[in-house]
Amino acid sequence: MGASKLAGVKFNANLASEIFHPVPCGYSRFEHRPKRLFDLILAGIGIIILSPVMLIISAVLYGFGFNHPLFTQKRVGQGGRVFTIFKFRTLHDQTCRPVSVLGHRLAKAFTSTLRVSGLDELPQLFNVLRGEMVLVGPRPHSIADHVLFSTSMTGYQARLSVKPGITGWAQICGWRGPV
């Protein structure tokens, strides 16, 4: 369910305090060190190796009228903490320059390819370096989706006991959905 369908959801401060309460992780910080080191090494190597690809994607997006090729959005992470996620912008909005019909068609094909291939997620490697995400973990939801799912799905809060990931088990198994 996308954010457009959630526009009518009202924010309840009392409910929010229950939804965003920190969830105990169950592990000491020392048990997470090997995984954190692994994530840091792989994210660092990934950024170094993929930086030319990310620069090309940014340049192409800018050429297609995206004044700001990088998209940021608030997401809910471990313990209910809100963080800013980085992605490549794949949808035109008011910040985009007007382009020709052909340019718009090419931009649509390019951004669609980015979404299908997952290349729009490459900037999230910086979220891993910042310690907000890991390489594999549950995908972080937007605040609106988080509020909706926490009130309608039993056991949803358990996902907050770990850091969100660039990819999750569902994506590894090919279960990509709209959220």
Foldseek 3Di string as FASTA:
>chain_A
DDVVVLPPPDDDPVLLCVLLAFDALPDDPVVCVVQLVVQQVVLVVLCVVCVVVVVVQQVLLVVLFQVDQKDWAWWAWARRDIDIAIFGDLDDDPNGDDDDPVSVVVSNVVSVVCVVVVVRRSVRSVVSNVVQEGAEAAATDHPSVSSVCVVPPPPPSVSNSHTHHSYYPCVVVVNDDPD
